[in-house]
Amino acid sequence: MILWVDKNTFATTLLEDIFKKRNISFYTINSVENFSYLVEDLKPSLMVLDSQTALENLEKLKLQYDSSEALRNLPVIIIDDQGNLDFIHNKRGTLSRPFDPFKIPDIIKFY
């Protein structure tokens, strides 16, 4: 399962359709305000985190990251990494916008 964290609901709705057509489990949320329980419950294999979404509640993200072993062990790909998320030590790669949403499943499968 892919957990995608991005406030851009237009993009995540499109991505969700693309992933589901490929029979890849996909769950999206639009905030990092209170999501670590989802990592515990859903047990995703990868999280894609939009840096702008993360920066809106950076302190809450840091608190959740520090308190959740599952989150600290989850591989993360960061969209448009600006270097503000250096505390995330389990980063496996980055994506830059704009990207072709139809190519994303093939790109992230290498992570």
PDB file of N, CA and C in Angstrom:
ATOM      1  N   MET A   1       0.828  -1.186   0.000  1.00  0.00           N
ATOM      2  CA  MET A   1       0.000   0.000   0.000  1.00  0.00           C
ATOM      3  C   MET A   1       0.871   1.248   0.000  1.00  0.00           C
ATOM      4  N   ILE A   2       0.436   2.224  -0.772  1.00  0.00           N
ATOM      5  CA  ILE A   2       1.099   3.515  -0.837  1.00  0.00           C
ATOM      6  C   ILE A   2       0.264   4.513  -0.046  1.00  0.00           C
ATOM      7  N   LEU A   3       0.906   5.224   0.878  1.00  0.00           N
ATOM      8  CA  LEU A   3       0.265   6.315   1.603  1.00  0.00           C
ATOM      9  C   LEU A   3       0.784   7.613   1.002  1.00  0.00           C
ATOM     10  N   TRP A   4      -0.130   8.408   0.431  1.00  0.00           N
ATOM     11  CA  TRP A   4       0.250   9.640  -0.252  1.00  0.00           C
ATOM     12  C   TRP A   4      -0.283  10.810   0.549  1.00  0.00           C
ATOM     13  N   VAL A   5       0.610  11.713   0.982  1.00  0.00           N
ATOM     14  CA  VAL A   5       0.234  12.857   1.814  1.00  0.00           C
ATOM     15  C   VAL A   5       0.454  14.128   0.996  1.00  0.00           C
ATOM     16  N   ASP A   6      -0.659  14.747   0.599  1.00  0.00           N
ATOM     17  CA  ASP A   6      -0.568  15.904  -0.301  1.00  0.00           C
ATOM     18  C   ASP A   6      -1.870  16.694  -0.216  1.00  0.00           C
ATOM     19  N   LYS A   7      -1.765  18.000  -0.052  1.00  0.00           N
ATOM     20  CA  LYS A   7      -2.958  18.846   0.041  1.00  0.00           C
ATOM     21  C   LYS A   7      -3.618  19.080  -1.316  1.00  0.00           C
ATOM     22  N   ASN A   8      -2.940  18.727  -2.397  1.00  0.00           N
ATOM     23  CA  ASN A   8      -3.471  18.906  -3.741  1.00  0.00           C
ATOM     24  C   ASN A   8      -4.426  17.758  -4.062  1.00  0.00           C
ATOM     25  N   THR A   9      -5.690  17.936  -3.714  1.00  0.00           N
ATOM     26  CA  THR A   9      -6.657  16.850  -3.857  1.00  0.00           C
ATOM     27  C   THR A   9      -6.961  16.522  -5.318  1.00  0.00           C
ATOM     28  N   PHE A  10      -6.813  17.469  -6.215  1.00  0.00           N
ATOM     29  CA  PHE A  10      -7.003  17.164  -7.633  1.00  0.00           C
ATOM     30  C   PHE A  10      -5.975  16.129  -8.076  1.00  0.00           C
ATOM     31  N   ALA A  11      -4.729  16.366  -7.741  1.00  0.00           N
ATOM     32  CA  ALA A  11      -3.660  15.440  -8.130  1.00  0.00           C
ATOM     33  C   ALA A  11      -3.816  14.085  -7.457  1.00  0.00           C
ATOM     34  N   THR A  12      -4.157  14.081  -6.179  1.00  0.00           N
ATOM     35  CA  THR A  12      -4.257  12.792  -5.480  1.00  0.00           C
ATOM     36  C   THR A  12      -5.455  11.972  -5.959  1.00  0.00           C
ATOM     37  N   THR A  13      -6.523  12.635  -6.358  1.00  0.00           N
ATOM     38  CA  THR A  13      -7.668  11.908  -6.909  1.00  0.00           C
ATOM     39  C   THR A  13      -7.281  11.232  -8.221  1.00  0.00           C
ATOM     40  N   LEU A  14      -6.567  11.935  -9.061  1.00  0.00           N
ATOM     41  CA  LEU A  14      -6.083  11.361 -10.312  1.00  0.00           C
ATOM     42  C   LEU A  14      -5.129  10.206 -10.046  1.00  0.00           C
ATOM     43  N   LEU A  15      -4.197  10.406  -9.135  1.00  0.00           N
ATOM     44  CA  LEU A  15      -3.235   9.349  -8.794  1.00  0.00           C
ATOM     45  C   LEU A  15      -3.931   8.121  -8.224  1.00  0.00           C
ATOM     46  N   GLU A  16      -4.933   8.346  -7.391  1.00  0.00           N
ATOM     47  CA  GLU A  16      -5.671   7.226  -6.807  1.00  0.00           C
ATOM     48  C   GLU A  16      -6.300   6.364  -7.908  1.00  0.00           C
ATOM     49  N   ASP A  17      -6.887   7.006  -8.906  1.00  0.00           N
ATOM     50  CA  ASP A  17      -7.470   6.265 -10.025  1.00  0.00           C
ATOM     51  C   ASP A  17      -6.410   5.470 -10.787  1.00  0.00           C
ATOM     52  N   ILE A  18      -5.274   6.085 -11.006  1.00  0.00           N
ATOM     53  CA  ILE A  18      -4.183   5.425 -11.735  1.00  0.00           C
ATOM     54  C   ILE A  18      -3.690   4.208 -10.963  1.00  0.00           C
ATOM     55  N   PHE A  19      -3.454   4.360  -9.669  1.00  0.00           N
ATOM     56  CA  PHE A  19      -2.967   3.250  -8.857  1.00  0.00           C
ATOM     57  C   PHE A  19      -3.993   2.116  -8.787  1.00  0.00           C
ATOM     58  N   LYS A  20      -5.249   2.476  -8.609  1.00  0.00           N
ATOM     59  CA  LYS A  20      -6.286   1.445  -8.504  1.00  0.00           C
ATOM     60  C   LYS A  20      -6.447   0.666  -9.804  1.00  0.00           C
ATOM     61  N   LYS A  21      -6.288   1.326 -10.937  1.00  0.00           N
ATOM     62  CA  LYS A  21      -6.354   0.628 -12.222  1.00  0.00           C
ATOM     63  C   LYS A  21      -5.216  -0.373 -12.376  1.00  0.00           C
ATOM     64  N   ARG A  22      -4.139  -0.156 -11.653  1.00  0.00           N
ATOM     65  CA  ARG A  22      -3.004  -1.081 -11.674  1.00  0.00           C
ATOM     66  C   ARG A  22      -3.046  -2.062 -10.502  1.00  0.00           C
ATOM     67  N   ASN A  23      -4.155  -2.059  -9.783  1.00  0.00           N
ATOM     68  CA  ASN A  23      -4.333  -2.942  -8.620  1.00  0.00           C
ATOM     69  C   ASN A  23      -3.267  -2.729  -7.543  1.00  0.00           C
ATOM     70  N   ILE A  24      -2.915  -1.470  -7.333  1.00  0.00           N
ATOM     71  CA  ILE A  24      -1.975  -1.094  -6.278  1.00  0.00           C
ATOM     72  C   ILE A  24      -2.767  -0.358  -5.204  1.00  0.00           C
ATOM     73  N   SER A  25      -2.715  -0.841  -3.978  1.00  0.00           N
ATOM     74  CA  SER A  25      -3.425  -0.188  -2.875  1.00  0.00           C
ATOM     75  C   SER A  25      -2.881   1.218  -2.675  1.00  0.00           C
ATOM     76  N   PHE A  26      -3.779   2.153  -2.472  1.00  0.00           N
ATOM     77  CA  PHE A  26      -3.420   3.568  -2.405  1.00  0.00           C
ATOM     78  C   PHE A  26      -4.355   4.256  -1.424  1.00  0.00           C
ATOM     79  N   TYR A  27      -3.772   5.037  -0.527  1.00  0.00           N
ATOM     80  CA  TYR A  27      -4.568   5.803   0.433  1.00  0.00           C
ATOM     81  C   TYR A  27      -3.979   7.203   0.481  1.00  0.00           C
ATOM     82  N   THR A  28      -4.839   8.201   0.469  1.00  0.00           N
ATOM     83  CA  THR A  28      -4.354   9.569   0.459  1.00  0.00           C
ATOM     84  C   THR A  28      -4.955  10.377   1.605  1.00  0.00           C
ATOM     85  N   ILE A  29      -4.145  11.282   2.133  1.00  0.00           N
ATOM     86  CA  ILE A  29      -4.610  12.254   3.123  1.00  0.00           C
ATOM     87  C   ILE A  29      -4.051  13.617   2.726  1.00  0.00           C
ATOM     88  N   ASN A  30      -4.706  14.678   3.169  1.00  0.00           N
ATOM     89  CA  ASN A  30      -4.298  16.017   2.729  1.00  0.00           C
ATOM     90  C   ASN A  30      -3.620  16.843   3.810  1.00  0.00           C
ATOM     91  N   SER A  31      -3.199  16.203   4.892  1.00  0.00           N
ATOM     92  CA  SER A  31      -2.553  16.939   5.985  1.00  0.00           C
ATOM     93  C   SER A  31      -1.686  15.989   6.812  1.00  0.00           C
ATOM     94  N   VAL A  32      -0.675  16.550   7.440  1.00  0.00           N
ATOM     95  CA  VAL A  32       0.155  15.764   8.363  1.00  0.00           C
ATOM     96  C   VAL A  32      -0.242  16.030   9.809  1.00  0.00           C
ATOM     97  N   GLU A  33      -1.349  16.718   9.994  1.00  0.00           N
ATOM     98  CA  GLU A  33      -1.741  17.149  11.335  1.00  0.00           C
ATOM     99  C   GLU A  33      -1.867  15.999  12.328  1.00  0.00           C
ATOM    100  N   ASN A  34      -2.498  14.913  11.938  1.00  0.00           N
ATOM    101  CA  ASN A  34      -2.666  13.791  12.852  1.00  0.00           C
ATOM    102  C   ASN A  34      -2.844  12.515  12.024  1.00  0.00           C
ATOM    103  N   PHE A  35      -1.739  11.946  11.567  1.00  0.00           N
ATOM    104  CA  PHE A  35      -1.850  10.819  10.661  1.00  0.00           C
ATOM    105  C   PHE A  35      -1.024   9.598  11.064  1.00  0.00           C
ATOM    106  N   SER A  36      -0.204   9.692  12.087  1.00  0.00           N
ATOM    107  CA  SER A  36       0.684   8.568  12.412  1.00  0.00           C
ATOM    108  C   SER A  36      -0.094   7.295  12.754  1.00  0.00           C
ATOM    109  N   TYR A  37      -1.312   7.451  13.274  1.00  0.00           N
ATOM    110  CA  TYR A  37      -2.127   6.264  13.560  1.00  0.00           C
ATOM    111  C   TYR A  37      -2.438   5.499  12.272  1.00  0.00           C
ATOM    112  N   LEU A  38      -2.530   6.213  11.142  1.00  0.00           N
ATOM    113  CA  LEU A  38      -2.785   5.535   9.866  1.00  0.00           C
ATOM    114  C   LEU A  38      -1.613   4.643   9.468  1.00  0.00           C
ATOM    115  N   VAL A  39      -0.421   5.092   9.765  1.00  0.00           N
ATOM    116  CA  VAL A  39       0.768   4.281   9.468  1.00  0.00           C
ATOM    117  C   VAL A  39       0.718   3.006  10.289  1.00  0.00           C
ATOM    118  N   GLU A  40       0.308   3.134  11.542  1.00  0.00           N
ATOM    119  CA  GLU A  40       0.189   1.964  12.413  1.00  0.00           C
ATOM    120  C   GLU A  40      -0.918   1.020  11.925  1.00  0.00           C
ATOM    121  N   ASP A  41      -2.058   1.578  11.530  1.00  0.00           N
ATOM    122  CA  ASP A  41      -3.213   0.772  11.142  1.00  0.00           C
ATOM    123  C   ASP A  41      -3.107   0.182   9.737  1.00  0.00           C
ATOM    124  N   LEU A  42      -2.706   1.019   8.763  1.00  0.00           N
ATOM    125  CA  LEU A  42      -2.689   0.585   7.368  1.00  0.00           C
ATOM    126  C   LEU A  42      -1.425  -0.174   6.972  1.00  0.00           C
ATOM    127  N   LYS A  43      -0.353   0.078   7.698  1.00  0.00           N
ATOM    128  CA  LYS A  43       0.942  -0.548   7.426  1.00  0.00           C
ATOM    129  C   LYS A  43       1.353  -0.410   5.952  1.00  0.00           C
ATOM    130  N   PRO A  44       1.451   0.829   5.479  1.00  0.00           N
ATOM    131  CA  PRO A  44       1.854   1.023   4.085  1.00  0.00           C
ATOM    132  C   PRO A  44       3.302   0.589   3.872  1.00  0.00           C
ATOM    133  N   SER A  45       3.636   0.276   2.636  1.00  0.00           N
ATOM    134  CA  SER A  45       5.006  -0.096   2.307  1.00  0.00           C
ATOM    135  C   SER A  45       5.834   1.119   1.920  1.00  0.00           C
ATOM    136  N   LEU A  46       5.163   2.246   1.628  1.00  0.00           N
ATOM    137  CA  LEU A  46       5.842   3.462   1.188  1.00  0.00           C
ATOM    138  C   LEU A  46       4.937   4.653   1.457  1.00  0.00           C
ATOM    139  N   MET A  47       5.557   5.780   1.838  1.00  0.00           N
ATOM    140  CA  MET A  47       4.821   7.028   1.972  1.00  0.00           C
ATOM    141  C   MET A  47       5.428   8.048   1.020  1.00  0.00           C
ATOM    142  N   VAL A  48       4.563   8.731   0.275  1.00  0.00           N
ATOM    143  CA  VAL A  48       4.974   9.850  -0.562  1.00  0.00           C
ATOM    144  C   VAL A  48       4.465  11.102   0.127  1.00  0.00           C
ATOM    145  N   LEU A  49       5.380  12.010   0.452  1.00  0.00           N
ATOM    146  CA  LEU A  49       5.072  13.180   1.269  1.00  0.00           C
ATOM    147  C   LEU A  49       5.382  14.458   0.504  1.00  0.00           C
ATOM    148  N   ASP A  50       4.366  15.263   0.270  1.00  0.00           N
ATOM    149  CA  ASP A  50       4.554  16.558  -0.370  1.00  0.00           C
ATOM    150  C   ASP A  50       5.176  17.519   0.633  1.00  0.00           C
ATOM    151  N   SER A  51       6.283  18.148   0.252  1.00  0.00           N
ATOM    152  CA  SER A  51       6.993  19.010   1.205  1.00  0.00           C
ATOM    153  C   SER A  51       6.173  20.219   1.623  1.00  0.00           C
ATOM    154  N   GLN A  52       5.392  20.801   0.716  1.00  0.00           N
ATOM    155  CA  GLN A  52       4.569  21.959   1.084  1.00  0.00           C
ATOM    156  C   GLN A  52       3.497  21.573   2.092  1.00  0.00           C
ATOM    157  N   THR A  53       2.904  20.408   1.913  1.00  0.00           N
ATOM    158  CA  THR A  53       1.902  19.918   2.857  1.00  0.00           C
ATOM    159  C   THR A  53       2.545  19.683   4.223  1.00  0.00           C
ATOM    160  N   ALA A  54       3.731  19.117   4.210  1.00  0.00           N
ATOM    161  CA  ALA A  54       4.450  18.845   5.460  1.00  0.00           C
ATOM    162  C   ALA A  54       4.796  20.142   6.194  1.00  0.00           C
ATOM    163  N   LEU A  55       5.210  21.152   5.465  1.00  0.00           N
ATOM    164  CA  LEU A  55       5.635  22.405   6.095  1.00  0.00           C
ATOM    165  C   LEU A  55       4.490  23.170   6.744  1.00  0.00           C
ATOM    166  N   GLU A  56       3.256  22.898   6.333  1.00  0.00           N
ATOM    167  CA  GLU A  56       2.109  23.586   6.947  1.00  0.00           C
ATOM    168  C   GLU A  56       1.930  23.214   8.414  1.00  0.00           C
ATOM    169  N   ASN A  57       2.351  22.024   8.792  1.00  0.00           N
ATOM    170  CA  ASN A  57       2.262  21.578  10.189  1.00  0.00           C
ATOM    171  C   ASN A  57       3.551  20.868  10.584  1.00  0.00           C
ATOM    172  N   LEU A  58       4.663  21.515  10.335  1.00  0.00           N
ATOM    173  CA  LEU A  58       5.967  20.894  10.515  1.00  0.00           C
ATOM    174  C   LEU A  58       6.196  20.407  11.944  1.00  0.00           C
ATOM    175  N   GLU A  59       5.830  21.193  12.928  1.00  0.00           N
ATOM    176  CA  GLU A  59       6.056  20.783  14.319  1.00  0.00           C
ATOM    177  C   GLU A  59       5.251  19.535  14.672  1.00  0.00           C
ATOM    178  N   LYS A  60       4.010  19.470  14.198  1.00  0.00           N
ATOM    179  CA  LYS A  60       3.190  18.270  14.459  1.00  0.00           C
ATOM    180  C   LYS A  60       3.767  17.061  13.737  1.00  0.00           C
ATOM    181  N   LEU A  61       4.281  17.264  12.538  1.00  0.00           N
ATOM    182  CA  LEU A  61       4.921  16.165  11.814  1.00  0.00           C
ATOM    183  C   LEU A  61       6.136  15.662  12.584  1.00  0.00           C
ATOM    184  N   LYS A  62       6.956  16.573  13.088  1.00  0.00           N
ATOM    185  CA  LYS A  62       8.146  16.174  13.859  1.00  0.00           C
ATOM    186  C   LYS A  62       7.758  15.381  15.105  1.00  0.00           C
ATOM    187  N   LEU A  63       6.733  15.848  15.822  1.00  0.00           N
ATOM    188  CA  LEU A  63       6.294  15.142  17.030  1.00  0.00           C
ATOM    189  C   LEU A  63       5.824  13.722  16.705  1.00  0.00           C
ATOM    190  N   GLN A  64       5.041  13.592  15.646  1.00  0.00           N
ATOM    191  CA  GLN A  64       4.548  12.270  15.254  1.00  0.00           C
ATOM    192  C   GLN A  64       5.698  11.378  14.797  1.00  0.00           C
ATOM    193  N   TYR A  65       6.611  11.957  14.050  1.00  0.00           N
ATOM    194  CA  TYR A  65       7.768  11.197  13.557  1.00  0.00           C
ATOM    195  C   TYR A  65       8.596  10.663  14.730  1.00  0.00           C
ATOM    196  N   ASP A  66       8.849  11.522  15.693  1.00  0.00           N
ATOM    197  CA  ASP A  66       9.650  11.117  16.849  1.00  0.00           C
ATOM    198  C   ASP A  66       8.950  10.075  17.719  1.00  0.00           C
ATOM    199  N   SER A  67       7.629  10.106  17.757  1.00  0.00           N
ATOM    200  CA  SER A  67       6.906   9.207  18.660  1.00  0.00           C
ATOM    201  C   SER A  67       6.433   7.909  18.001  1.00  0.00           C
ATOM    202  N   SER A  68       6.618   7.766  16.695  1.00  0.00           N
ATOM    203  CA  SER A  68       6.121   6.581  16.005  1.00  0.00           C
ATOM    204  C   SER A  68       7.246   5.794  15.353  1.00  0.00           C
ATOM    205  N   GLU A  69       7.528   4.635  15.913  1.00  0.00           N
ATOM    206  CA  GLU A  69       8.562   3.780  15.330  1.00  0.00           C
ATOM    207  C   GLU A  69       8.171   3.334  13.926  1.00  0.00           C
ATOM    208  N   ALA A  70       6.879   3.045  13.719  1.00  0.00           N
ATOM    209  CA  ALA A  70       6.415   2.628  12.392  1.00  0.00           C
ATOM    210  C   ALA A  70       6.661   3.724  11.355  1.00  0.00           C
ATOM    211  N   LEU A  71       6.436   4.974  11.729  1.00  0.00           N
ATOM    212  CA  LEU A  71       6.674   6.094  10.824  1.00  0.00           C
ATOM    213  C   LEU A  71       8.167   6.279  10.561  1.00  0.00           C
ATOM    214  N   ARG A  72       8.977   6.139  11.579  1.00  0.00           N
ATOM    215  CA  ARG A  72      10.428   6.280  11.407  1.00  0.00           C
ATOM    216  C   ARG A  72      11.014   5.168  10.539  1.00  0.00           C
ATOM    217  N   ASN A  73      10.352   4.020  10.471  1.00  0.00           N
ATOM    218  CA  ASN A  73      10.845   2.900   9.670  1.00  0.00           C
ATOM    219  C   ASN A  73      10.222   2.815   8.284  1.00  0.00           C
ATOM    220  N   LEU A  74       9.258   3.658   8.008  1.00  0.00           N
ATOM    221  CA  LEU A  74       8.558   3.631   6.729  1.00  0.00           C
ATOM    222  C   LEU A  74       9.369   4.364   5.656  1.00  0.00           C
ATOM    223  N   PRO A  75       9.673   3.723   4.526  1.00  0.00           N
ATOM    224  CA  PRO A  75      10.371   4.436   3.448  1.00  0.00           C
ATOM    225  C   PRO A  75       9.534   5.620   2.959  1.00  0.00           C
ATOM    226  N   VAL A  76      10.207   6.749   2.728  1.00  0.00           N
ATOM    227  CA  VAL A  76       9.517   7.984   2.342  1.00  0.00           C
ATOM    228  C   VAL A  76      10.142   8.551   1.076  1.00  0.00           C
ATOM    229  N   ILE A  77       9.278   8.981   0.170  1.00  0.00           N
ATOM    230  CA  ILE A  77       9.684   9.765  -0.991  1.00  0.00           C
ATOM    231  C   ILE A  77       9.110  11.153  -0.773  1.00  0.00           C
ATOM    232  N   ILE A  78       9.932  12.174  -0.956  1.00  0.00           N
ATOM    233  CA  ILE A  78       9.498  13.550  -0.719  1.00  0.00           C
ATOM    234  C   ILE A  78       9.329  14.276  -2.048  1.00  0.00           C
ATOM    235  N   ILE A  79       8.172  14.924  -2.201  1.00  0.00           N
ATOM    236  CA  ILE A  79       7.895  15.714  -3.394  1.00  0.00           C
ATOM    237  C   ILE A  79       8.429  17.126  -3.183  1.00  0.00           C
ATOM    238  N   ASP A  80       9.215  17.598  -4.139  1.00  0.00           N
ATOM    239  CA  ASP A  80       9.789  18.946  -4.106  1.00  0.00           C
ATOM    240  C   ASP A  80      10.549  19.216  -2.814  1.00  0.00           C
ATOM    241  N   ASP A  81      11.480  18.348  -2.508  1.00  0.00           N
ATOM    242  CA  ASP A  81      12.274  18.456  -1.282  1.00  0.00           C
ATOM    243  C   ASP A  81      13.075  19.761  -1.286  1.00  0.00           C
ATOM    244  N   GLN A  82      12.861  20.565  -0.259  1.00  0.00           N
ATOM    245  CA  GLN A  82      13.561  21.840  -0.109  1.00  0.00           C
ATOM    246  C   GLN A  82      14.635  21.774   0.972  1.00  0.00           C
ATOM    247  N   GLY A  83      14.848  20.604   1.531  1.00  0.00           N
ATOM    248  CA  GLY A  83      15.831  20.451   2.588  1.00  0.00           C
ATOM    249  C   GLY A  83      15.295  20.750   3.968  1.00  0.00           C
ATOM    250  N   ASN A  84      14.009  21.091   4.087  1.00  0.00           N
ATOM    251  CA  ASN A  84      13.421  21.429   5.388  1.00  0.00           C
ATOM    252  C   ASN A  84      13.004  20.197   6.177  1.00  0.00           C
ATOM    253  N   LEU A  85      13.106  19.029   5.572  1.00  0.00           N
ATOM    254  CA  LEU A  85      12.646  17.802   6.216  1.00  0.00           C
ATOM    255  C   LEU A  85      13.814  16.870   6.508  1.00  0.00           C
ATOM    256  N   ASP A  86      14.941  17.451   6.858  1.00  0.00           N
ATOM    257  CA  ASP A  86      16.159  16.667   7.105  1.00  0.00           C
ATOM    258  C   ASP A  86      16.031  15.717   8.285  1.00  0.00           C
ATOM    259  N   PHE A  87      15.076  15.937   9.154  1.00  0.00           N
ATOM    260  CA  PHE A  87      14.895  15.041  10.299  1.00  0.00           C
ATOM    261  C   PHE A  87      14.339  13.682   9.865  1.00  0.00           C
ATOM    262  N   ILE A  88      13.824  13.593   8.643  1.00  0.00           N
ATOM    263  CA  ILE A  88      13.307  12.324   8.132  1.00  0.00           C
ATOM    264  C   ILE A  88      14.483  11.514   7.604  1.00  0.00           C
ATOM    265  N   HIS A  89      14.903  10.547   8.391  1.00  0.00           N
ATOM    266  CA  HIS A  89      16.093   9.771   8.054  1.00  0.00           C
ATOM    267  C   HIS A  89      15.800   8.577   7.161  1.00  0.00           C
ATOM    268  N   ASN A  90      14.537   8.274   6.946  1.00  0.00           N
ATOM    269  CA  ASN A  90      14.159   7.125   6.137  1.00  0.00           C
ATOM    270  C   ASN A  90      13.744   7.541   4.723  1.00  0.00           C
ATOM    271  N   LYS A  91      14.247   8.690   4.275  1.00  0.00           N
ATOM    272  CA  LYS A  91      13.954   9.173   2.926  1.00  0.00           C
ATOM    273  C   LYS A  91      14.669   8.281   1.913  1.00  0.00           C
ATOM    274  N   ARG A  92      13.912   7.818   0.915  1.00  0.00           N
ATOM    275  CA  ARG A  92      14.473   6.934  -0.105  1.00  0.00           C
ATOM    276  C   ARG A  92      14.658   7.620  -1.445  1.00  0.00           C
ATOM    277  N   GLY A  93      14.042   8.802  -1.589  1.00  0.00           N
ATOM    278  CA  GLY A  93      14.169   9.512  -2.849  1.00  0.00           C
ATOM    279  C   GLY A  93      13.297  10.746  -2.874  1.00  0.00           C
ATOM    280  N   THR A  94      13.324  11.423  -4.021  1.00  0.00           N
ATOM    281  CA  THR A  94      12.543  12.633  -4.201  1.00  0.00           C
ATOM    282  C   THR A  94      11.855  12.607  -5.566  1.00  0.00           C
ATOM    283  N   LEU A  95      10.774  13.344  -5.655  1.00  0.00           N
ATOM    284  CA  LEU A  95      10.074  13.599  -6.907  1.00  0.00           C
ATOM    285  C   LEU A  95       9.999  15.109  -7.068  1.00  0.00           C
ATOM    286  N   SER A  96      10.145  15.568  -8.291  1.00  0.00           N
ATOM    287  CA  SER A  96      10.031  16.995  -8.569  1.00  0.00           C
ATOM    288  C   SER A  96       8.797  17.256  -9.409  1.00  0.00           C
ATOM    289  N   ARG A  97       8.102  18.314  -9.071  1.00  0.00           N
ATOM    290  CA  ARG A  97       6.966  18.735  -9.878  1.00  0.00           C
ATOM    291  C   ARG A  97       7.472  19.637 -10.989  1.00  0.00           C
ATOM    292  N   PRO A  98       6.852  19.624 -12.127  1.00  0.00           N
ATOM    293  CA  PRO A  98       5.712  18.790 -12.499  1.00  0.00           C
ATOM    294  C   PRO A  98       6.170  17.373 -12.847  1.00  0.00           C
ATOM    295  N   PHE A  99       5.289  16.408 -12.608  1.00  0.00           N
ATOM    296  CA  PHE A  99       5.571  15.042 -13.016  1.00  0.00           C
ATOM    297  C   PHE A  99       4.347  14.463 -13.712  1.00  0.00           C
ATOM    298  N   ASP A 100       4.595  13.457 -14.506  1.00  0.00           N
ATOM    299  CA  ASP A 100       3.514  12.791 -15.233  1.00  0.00           C
ATOM    300  C   ASP A 100       2.875  11.779 -14.286  1.00  0.00           C
ATOM    301  N   PRO A 101       1.641  12.005 -13.855  1.00  0.00           N
ATOM    302  CA  PRO A 101       1.026  11.096 -12.881  1.00  0.00           C
ATOM    303  C   PRO A 101       0.898   9.663 -13.398  1.00  0.00           C
ATOM    304  N   PHE A 102       0.819   9.487 -14.700  1.00  0.00           N
ATOM    305  CA  PHE A 102       0.679   8.148 -15.259  1.00  0.00           C
ATOM    306  C   PHE A 102       1.974   7.344 -15.162  1.00  0.00           C
ATOM    307  N   LYS A 103       3.099   8.026 -14.957  1.00  0.00           N
ATOM    308  CA  LYS A 103       4.393   7.346 -14.816  1.00  0.00           C
ATOM    309  C   LYS A 103       4.774   7.073 -13.361  1.00  0.00           C
ATOM    310  N   ILE A 104       4.066   7.682 -12.423  1.00  0.00           N
ATOM    311  CA  ILE A 104       4.418   7.575 -11.005  1.00  0.00           C
ATOM    312  C   ILE A 104       4.449   6.133 -10.493  1.00  0.00           C
ATOM    313  N   PRO A 105       3.466   5.288 -10.801  1.00  0.00           N
ATOM    314  CA  PRO A 105       3.556   3.899 -10.289  1.00  0.00           C
ATOM    315  C   PRO A 105       4.844   3.187 -10.723  1.00  0.00           C
ATOM    316  N   ASP A 106       5.281   3.434 -11.937  1.00  0.00           N
ATOM    317  CA  ASP A 106       6.518   2.806 -12.409  1.00  0.00           C
ATOM    318  C   ASP A 106       7.756   3.414 -11.753  1.00  0.00           C
ATOM    319  N   ILE A 107       7.708   4.707 -11.491  1.00  0.00           N
ATOM    320  CA  ILE A 107       8.855   5.376 -10.865  1.00  0.00           C
ATOM    321  C   ILE A 107       9.028   4.936  -9.419  1.00  0.00           C
ATOM    322  N   ILE A 108       7.941   4.906  -8.653  1.00  0.00           N
ATOM    323  CA  ILE A 108       8.094   4.624  -7.221  1.00  0.00           C
ATOM    324  C   ILE A 108       8.286   3.151  -6.917  1.00  0.00           C
ATOM    325  N   LYS A 109       8.022   2.271  -7.859  1.00  0.00           N
ATOM    326  CA  LYS A 109       8.207   0.852  -7.576  1.00  0.00           C
ATOM    327  C   LYS A 109       9.673   0.504  -7.335  1.00  0.00           C
ATOM    328  N   PHE A 110      10.584   1.405  -7.711  1.00  0.00           N
ATOM    329  CA  PHE A 110      12.001   1.156  -7.493  1.00  0.00           C
ATOM    330  C   PHE A 110      12.438   1.536  -6.088  1.00  0.00           C
ATOM    331  N   TYR A 111      11.552   2.128  -5.325  1.00  0.00           N
ATOM    332  CA  TYR A 111      11.875   2.516  -3.958  1.00  0.00           C
ATOM    333  C   TYR A 111      11.357   1.463  -3.015  1.00  0.00           C
TER     334      TYR A 111
END
